Amino acid sequence: MKIALNVAMVVLGLVPLWLGAIAIAAFLPDTVPMHMGFDGVVDGWGSKTDDMLLAALLTFANIVVALCGIFSEKLWSIGLVNGVRSPQAARVVCLAAIVLVDAVFVGILVWQMSYAGA
C-alpha cells in the first residue's frame, strides 16, 4: 500500500504539467481568459503560455507535497508532521491535497476551453 500511494502521488503530481501541455498544444486558442469579475464577465485575458507557467508551478507544488508524503515517516519521527494520527494518515492527506490541486487545474482548463469557441 505504501508503494502504491507513493507512485500515485508522483503520477498525480505530474498531471498538471501533462494536462497543461496537451491543452495548450491541442485545444486552447492563443488568447485565453485569465480572470472573471463578480458580474461573470471575463475582464482579464492572457496568453495560453501563461497556462504552462501555471502548470509548471502547480506541478512543482504537487511534487513538493508528494515528497512530504513519501518521506512522511521521517518527517513524523523528527516532529514535523502534526494534525494527523500516523505517518500513513499524513501520506493519505498529501495524496488528497494533490488530487485537489489537480481538480482545480482541470476546472481552470475546462473554463478556459469553454471560451475557446466564443
Protein backbone atom coordinates (compact mmCIF):
# COMPACT_ATOMS: atom_id res chain seq x y z
CA MET A 1 0.00 0.00 0.00
CA LYS A 2 2.84 2.37 0.84
CA ILE A 3 4.47 1.91 -2.58
CA ALA A 4 1.12 2.30 -4.36
CA LEU A 5 0.44 5.60 -2.55
CA ASN A 6 3.93 6.86 -3.34
CA VAL A 7 3.55 6.02 -7.02
CA ALA A 8 0.07 7.59 -7.09
CA MET A 9 1.40 10.80 -5.53
CA VAL A 10 4.20 11.13 -8.07
CA VAL A 11 1.99 10.30 -11.06
CA LEU A 12 -0.82 12.59 -9.93
CA GLY A 13 1.74 15.25 -9.11
CA LEU A 14 2.75 15.37 -12.77
CA VAL A 15 -0.85 15.63 -14.06
CA PRO A 16 -0.92 19.46 -14.24
CA LEU A 17 2.15 19.50 -16.47
CA TRP A 18 0.74 16.83 -18.79
CA LEU A 19 -2.70 18.43 -18.98
CA GLY A 20 -1.24 21.87 -19.49
CA ALA A 21 0.94 20.73 -22.37
CA ILE A 22 -1.92 18.84 -24.04
CA ALA A 23 -4.42 21.68 -23.58
CA ILE A 24 -2.01 24.29 -24.89
CA ALA A 25 -0.98 22.25 -27.90
CA ALA A 26 -4.39 20.94 -28.91
CA PHE A 27 -7.31 22.91 -27.53
CA LEU A 28 -6.61 26.42 -26.33
CA PRO A 29 -6.54 29.45 -28.64
CA ASP A 30 -3.65 31.94 -28.46
CA THR A 31 -5.63 34.22 -26.10
CA VAL A 32 -7.41 32.68 -23.11
CA PRO A 33 -9.48 34.13 -20.26
CA MET A 34 -7.50 34.63 -17.07
CA HIS A 35 -9.90 36.47 -14.79
CA MET A 36 -13.64 36.80 -14.35
CA GLY A 37 -15.23 39.67 -12.46
CA PHE A 38 -18.03 39.42 -9.91
CA ASP A 39 -20.55 40.12 -12.66
CA GLY A 40 -19.49 36.96 -14.56
CA VAL A 41 -17.82 38.83 -17.39
CA VAL A 42 -14.25 37.97 -18.35
CA ASP A 43 -12.16 41.06 -17.66
CA GLY A 44 -8.69 39.63 -17.97
CA TRP A 45 -7.13 37.86 -20.92
CA GLY A 46 -3.70 36.33 -21.34
CA SER A 47 -1.53 34.15 -23.50
CA LYS A 48 -2.00 30.40 -23.48
CA THR A 49 1.65 30.09 -22.49
CA ASP A 50 0.65 31.64 -19.15
CA ASP A 51 -1.18 28.37 -18.53
CA MET A 52 2.06 26.47 -18.99
CA LEU A 53 3.65 28.61 -16.29
CA LEU A 54 0.69 27.83 -14.03
CA ALA A 55 1.00 24.14 -14.89
CA ALA A 56 4.71 24.18 -14.02
CA LEU A 57 4.04 25.97 -10.73
CA LEU A 58 1.30 23.52 -9.74
CA THR A 59 3.47 20.57 -10.75
CA PHE A 60 6.27 21.87 -8.54
CA ALA A 61 3.86 22.28 -5.63
CA ASN A 62 2.47 18.79 -6.18
CA ILE A 63 5.94 17.24 -6.27
CA VAL A 64 6.86 19.01 -3.00
CA VAL A 65 3.67 17.65 -1.38
CA ALA A 66 4.38 14.20 -2.86
CA LEU A 67 7.89 14.25 -1.36
CA CYS A 68 6.38 15.21 2.01
CA GLY A 69 4.08 12.21 1.70
CA ILE A 70 6.83 9.85 0.60
CA PHE A 71 9.07 10.91 3.48
CA SER A 72 6.22 11.24 5.99
CA GLU A 73 7.71 8.61 8.33
CA LYS A 74 11.00 10.50 8.60
CA LEU A 75 9.18 13.81 9.00
CA TRP A 76 6.93 12.19 11.63
CA SER A 77 9.93 10.86 13.58
CA ILE A 78 11.51 14.32 13.88
CA GLY A 79 8.22 16.01 14.79
CA LEU A 80 7.45 17.86 11.57
CA VAL A 81 4.09 16.20 10.91
CA ASN A 82 1.23 17.44 13.07
CA GLY A 83 -2.54 17.17 12.98
CA VAL A 84 -2.75 13.53 11.89
CA ARG A 85 -2.50 10.35 13.90
CA SER A 86 0.14 8.49 11.91
CA PRO A 87 2.60 8.81 9.04
CA GLN A 88 0.21 6.71 6.94
CA ALA A 89 -2.56 9.24 7.52
CA ALA A 90 -0.17 12.02 6.54
CA ARG A 91 0.52 10.19 3.28
CA VAL A 92 -3.21 9.99 2.55
CA VAL A 93 -3.65 13.70 3.35
CA CYS A 94 -0.83 14.52 0.92
CA LEU A 95 -2.48 12.43 -1.78
CA ALA A 96 -5.79 14.19 -1.17
CA ALA A 97 -4.08 17.60 -1.46
CA ILE A 98 -2.53 16.59 -4.78
CA VAL A 99 -5.89 15.41 -6.11
CA LEU A 100 -7.48 18.70 -5.02
CA VAL A 101 -4.86 20.77 -6.85
CA ASP A 102 -5.31 18.62 -9.96
CA ALA A 103 -9.10 19.06 -9.83
CA VAL A 104 -8.78 22.84 -9.56
CA PHE A 105 -6.39 22.95 -12.50
CA VAL A 106 -8.70 20.79 -14.62
CA GLY A 107 -11.53 23.16 -13.74
CA ILE A 108 -9.45 26.14 -14.88
CA LEU A 109 -8.64 24.43 -18.19
CA VAL A 110 -12.28 23.46 -18.79
CA TRP A 111 -13.38 27.03 -18.06
CA GLN A 112 -10.80 28.40 -20.49
CA MET A 113 -11.74 25.86 -23.17
CA SER A 114 -15.39 26.87 -22.83
CA TYR A 115 -14.36 30.32 -24.07
CA ALA A 116 -12.25 28.91 -26.91
CA GLY A 117 -15.22 28.79 -29.27
CA ALA A 118 -16.65 32.18 -28.21
